[in-house]
Amino acid sequence: MKQTLKYYGPAILWAFFILTICAIPMGGVGNSHLFFPGFDKLVHCGLFFVLSVLYCYGSIRKWKTRSIRIEIAMKNTIVLISYGALIEMLQRYLFTWRSGDWNDLLADAIGGCMGIFAVLLTSNAINHENS
């Protein structure tokens, strides 16, 4: 457990932040004139983008590599999408003041995949520059 926290601590903290944000009642905030249609999906995408970058960073540190291997990226993708699905199921069945939405899960998956792609692209560019 200590090793997991050592490498994945920031990702775990961010995951708890996402769970907290998705669990609290928002009231009429979504109907405010300050937010445009689809703002909620953009937030989901951004939250999971950050989560995927932190999770990939933990994987890179754990496996002591300079970039993320494709099989680890695929495992991370499955973990991130599963976490997004868990949150949507919790919103649908446990947090009854919130609603589970397939479009939110799609936004979570897109954000996660964008983050993993960004890590792959950045780490490959850095490694190519240093060689």
C-alpha atoms as a PDB file:
ATOM      1  CA  MET A   1       0.000   0.000   0.000  1.00  0.00           C
ATOM      2  CA  LYS A   2       2.836   2.351   0.849  1.00  0.00           C
ATOM      3  CA  GLN A   3       4.390   1.800  -2.589  1.00  0.00           C
ATOM      4  CA  THR A   4       1.065   2.553  -4.268  1.00  0.00           C
ATOM      5  CA  LEU A   5       0.773   5.849  -2.407  1.00  0.00           C
ATOM      6  CA  LYS A   6       4.387   6.628  -3.220  1.00  0.00           C
ATOM      7  CA  TYR A   7       3.772   6.468  -6.955  1.00  0.00           C
ATOM      8  CA  TYR A   8       0.074   7.113  -7.363  1.00  0.00           C
ATOM      9  CA  GLY A   9      -0.565   9.487  -4.436  1.00  0.00           C
ATOM     10  CA  PRO A  10      -1.342  12.575  -6.562  1.00  0.00           C
ATOM     11  CA  ALA A  11      -3.644  10.551  -8.826  1.00  0.00           C
ATOM     12  CA  ILE A  12      -5.469   9.060  -5.834  1.00  0.00           C
ATOM     13  CA  LEU A  13      -5.976  12.511  -4.295  1.00  0.00           C
ATOM     14  CA  TRP A  14      -7.294  13.837  -7.614  1.00  0.00           C
ATOM     15  CA  ALA A  15      -9.616  10.825  -7.928  1.00  0.00           C
ATOM     16  CA  PHE A  16     -11.047  11.601  -4.469  1.00  0.00           C
ATOM     17  CA  PHE A  17     -11.500  15.224  -5.554  1.00  0.00           C
ATOM     18  CA  ILE A  18     -13.424  14.064  -8.636  1.00  0.00           C
ATOM     19  CA  LEU A  19     -15.582  11.760  -6.514  1.00  0.00           C
ATOM     20  CA  THR A  20     -16.331  14.607  -4.105  1.00  0.00           C
ATOM     21  CA  ILE A  21     -17.233  17.025  -6.905  1.00  0.00           C
ATOM     22  CA  CYS A  22     -19.491  14.407  -8.505  1.00  0.00           C
ATOM     23  CA  ALA A  23     -21.183  13.523  -5.196  1.00  0.00           C
ATOM     24  CA  ILE A  24     -22.197  16.932  -3.878  1.00  0.00           C
ATOM     25  CA  PRO A  25     -25.601  18.351  -4.781  1.00  0.00           C
ATOM     26  CA  MET A  26     -25.187  21.190  -7.256  1.00  0.00           C
ATOM     27  CA  GLY A  27     -28.685  22.638  -6.958  1.00  0.00           C
ATOM     28  CA  GLY A  28     -29.381  25.153  -9.703  1.00  0.00           C
ATOM     29  CA  VAL A  29     -25.740  25.840 -10.519  1.00  0.00           C
ATOM     30  CA  GLY A  30     -26.020  24.080 -13.889  1.00  0.00           C
ATOM     31  CA  ASN A  31     -28.884  26.381 -14.883  1.00  0.00           C
ATOM     32  CA  SER A  32     -26.892  29.550 -14.239  1.00  0.00           C
ATOM     33  CA  HIS A  33     -26.448  31.982 -17.108  1.00  0.00           C
ATOM     34  CA  LEU A  34     -22.678  31.811 -16.480  1.00  0.00           C
ATOM     35  CA  PHE A  35     -22.444  28.315 -17.956  1.00  0.00           C
ATOM     36  CA  PHE A  36     -22.957  27.407 -21.599  1.00  0.00           C
ATOM     37  CA  PRO A  37     -24.645  24.192 -22.759  1.00  0.00           C
ATOM     38  CA  GLY A  38     -22.152  21.356 -22.525  1.00  0.00           C
ATOM     39  CA  PHE A  39     -20.089  23.008 -19.795  1.00  0.00           C
ATOM     40  CA  ASP A  40     -20.624  19.934 -17.611  1.00  0.00           C
ATOM     41  CA  LYS A  41     -19.124  17.684 -20.306  1.00  0.00           C
ATOM     42  CA  LEU A  42     -16.116  19.986 -20.634  1.00  0.00           C
ATOM     43  CA  VAL A  43     -15.564  19.778 -16.869  1.00  0.00           C
ATOM     44  CA  HIS A  44     -15.752  15.969 -16.947  1.00  0.00           C
ATOM     45  CA  CYS A  45     -13.271  15.880 -19.814  1.00  0.00           C
ATOM     46  CA  GLY A  46     -10.862  18.223 -18.030  1.00  0.00           C
ATOM     47  CA  LEU A  47     -11.055  16.384 -14.710  1.00  0.00           C
ATOM     48  CA  PHE A  48     -10.254  13.057 -16.351  1.00  0.00           C
ATOM     49  CA  PHE A  49      -7.518  14.601 -18.496  1.00  0.00           C
ATOM     50  CA  VAL A  50      -5.714  15.678 -15.327  1.00  0.00           C
ATOM     51  CA  LEU A  51      -6.406  12.317 -13.654  1.00  0.00           C
ATOM     52  CA  SER A  52      -4.947  10.410 -16.595  1.00  0.00           C
ATOM     53  CA  VAL A  53      -1.788  12.543 -16.672  1.00  0.00           C
ATOM     54  CA  LEU A  54      -1.259  12.018 -12.933  1.00  0.00           C
ATOM     55  CA  TYR A  55      -1.972   8.293 -13.241  1.00  0.00           C
ATOM     56  CA  CYS A  56       0.471   7.931 -16.152  1.00  0.00           C
ATOM     57  CA  TYR A  57       3.078   9.896 -14.203  1.00  0.00           C
ATOM     58  CA  GLY A  58       2.684   7.403 -11.356  1.00  0.00           C
ATOM     59  CA  SER A  59       3.072   4.516 -13.794  1.00  0.00           C
ATOM     60  CA  ILE A  60       6.235   6.027 -15.282  1.00  0.00           C
ATOM     61  CA  ARG A  61       7.704   6.454 -11.797  1.00  0.00           C
ATOM     62  CA  LYS A  62       6.650   2.968 -10.682  1.00  0.00           C
ATOM     63  CA  TRP A  63       8.161   1.197 -13.690  1.00  0.00           C
ATOM     64  CA  LYS A  64      11.202   3.535 -13.767  1.00  0.00           C
ATOM     65  CA  THR A  65      10.909   4.260 -17.467  1.00  0.00           C
ATOM     66  CA  ARG A  66      11.310   7.411 -19.480  1.00  0.00           C
ATOM     67  CA  SER A  67       8.017   6.929 -21.268  1.00  0.00           C
ATOM     68  CA  ILE A  68       4.850   4.946 -20.843  1.00  0.00           C
ATOM     69  CA  ARG A  69       4.678   1.584 -22.598  1.00  0.00           C
ATOM     70  CA  ILE A  70       1.639   0.909 -24.746  1.00  0.00           C
ATOM     71  CA  GLU A  71       0.401  -1.985 -22.575  1.00  0.00           C
ATOM     72  CA  ILE A  72       0.523   0.271 -19.501  1.00  0.00           C
ATOM     73  CA  ALA A  73      -1.304   2.999 -21.435  1.00  0.00           C
ATOM     74  CA  MET A  74      -4.016   0.487 -22.356  1.00  0.00           C
ATOM     75  CA  LYS A  75      -4.318  -0.682 -18.722  1.00  0.00           C
ATOM     76  CA  ASN A  76      -4.521   2.928 -17.567  1.00  0.00           C
ATOM     77  CA  THR A  77      -7.255   3.596 -20.130  1.00  0.00           C
ATOM     78  CA  ILE A  78      -9.311   0.670 -18.829  1.00  0.00           C
ATOM     79  CA  VAL A  79      -8.832   1.808 -15.212  1.00  0.00           C
ATOM     80  CA  LEU A  80      -9.842   5.400 -16.019  1.00  0.00           C
ATOM     81  CA  ILE A  81     -12.943   4.426 -17.989  1.00  0.00           C
ATOM     82  CA  SER A  82     -13.933   1.993 -15.229  1.00  0.00           C
ATOM     83  CA  TYR A  83     -13.570   4.763 -12.644  1.00  0.00           C
ATOM     84  CA  GLY A  84     -15.728   7.048 -14.761  1.00  0.00           C
ATOM     85  CA  ALA A  85     -18.356   4.306 -15.064  1.00  0.00           C
ATOM     86  CA  LEU A  86     -18.262   3.751 -11.291  1.00  0.00           C
ATOM     87  CA  ILE A  87     -18.891   7.442 -10.675  1.00  0.00           C
ATOM     88  CA  GLU A  88     -21.811   7.472 -13.107  1.00  0.00           C
ATOM     89  CA  MET A  89     -23.298   4.374 -11.448  1.00  0.00           C
ATOM     90  CA  LEU A  90     -22.912   6.000  -8.026  1.00  0.00           C
ATOM     91  CA  GLN A  91     -24.621   9.129  -9.327  1.00  0.00           C
ATOM     92  CA  ARG A  92     -27.466   7.078 -10.766  1.00  0.00           C
ATOM     93  CA  TYR A  93     -28.131   4.747  -7.820  1.00  0.00           C
ATOM     94  CA  LEU A  94     -26.551   6.196  -4.662  1.00  0.00           C
ATOM     95  CA  PHE A  95     -26.326   9.958  -5.090  1.00  0.00           C
ATOM     96  CA  THR A  96     -29.982  10.307  -6.053  1.00  0.00           C
ATOM     97  CA  TRP A  97     -29.736  14.096  -6.216  1.00  0.00           C
ATOM     98  CA  ARG A  98     -27.375  13.628  -9.194  1.00  0.00           C
ATOM     99  CA  SER A  99     -28.028  11.748 -12.406  1.00  0.00           C
ATOM    100  CA  GLY A 100     -25.821   9.205 -14.127  1.00  0.00           C
ATOM    101  CA  ASP A 101     -25.345  10.099 -17.779  1.00  0.00           C
ATOM    102  CA  TRP A 102     -23.817   8.145 -20.659  1.00  0.00           C
ATOM    103  CA  ASN A 103     -22.590  11.412 -22.163  1.00  0.00           C
ATOM    104  CA  ASP A 104     -20.685  12.169 -18.954  1.00  0.00           C
ATOM    105  CA  LEU A 105     -19.012   8.765 -19.203  1.00  0.00           C
ATOM    106  CA  LEU A 106     -18.118   9.504 -22.820  1.00  0.00           C
ATOM    107  CA  ALA A 107     -16.611  12.841 -21.760  1.00  0.00           C
ATOM    108  CA  ASP A 108     -14.660  11.048 -19.004  1.00  0.00           C
ATOM    109  CA  ALA A 109     -13.320   8.518 -21.528  1.00  0.00           C
ATOM    110  CA  ILE A 110     -12.366  11.231 -24.022  1.00  0.00           C
ATOM    111  CA  GLY A 111     -10.573  13.242 -21.338  1.00  0.00           C
ATOM    112  CA  GLY A 112      -8.724  10.152 -20.111  1.00  0.00           C
ATOM    113  CA  CYS A 113      -7.657   9.161 -23.616  1.00  0.00           C
ATOM    114  CA  MET A 114      -6.560  12.730 -24.398  1.00  0.00           C
ATOM    115  CA  GLY A 115      -4.398  12.762 -21.266  1.00  0.00           C
ATOM    116  CA  ILE A 116      -2.787   9.422 -22.047  1.00  0.00           C
ATOM    117  CA  PHE A 117      -2.149  10.534 -25.626  1.00  0.00           C
ATOM    118  CA  ALA A 118      -0.578  13.761 -24.331  1.00  0.00           C
ATOM    119  CA  VAL A 119       1.731  11.788 -22.025  1.00  0.00           C
ATOM    120  CA  LEU A 120       2.713   9.407 -24.841  1.00  0.00           C
ATOM    121  CA  LEU A 121       3.384  12.305 -27.209  1.00  0.00           C
ATOM    122  CA  THR A 122       5.303  14.381 -24.672  1.00  0.00           C
ATOM    123  CA  SER A 123       7.435  11.542 -23.321  1.00  0.00           C
ATOM    124  CA  ASN A 124       8.317  10.360 -26.831  1.00  0.00           C
ATOM    125  CA  ALA A 125       9.259  13.897 -27.861  1.00  0.00           C
ATOM    126  CA  ILE A 126      11.452  14.367 -24.782  1.00  0.00           C
ATOM    127  CA  ASN A 127      13.116  10.979 -25.278  1.00  0.00           C
ATOM    128  CA  HIS A 128      13.700  11.672 -28.979  1.00  0.00           C
ATOM    129  CA  GLU A 129      15.277  15.036 -28.132  1.00  0.00           C
ATOM    130  CA  ASN A 130      17.625  13.480 -25.533  1.00  0.00           C
ATOM    131  CA  SER A 131      18.857  10.697 -27.827  1.00  0.00           C
END
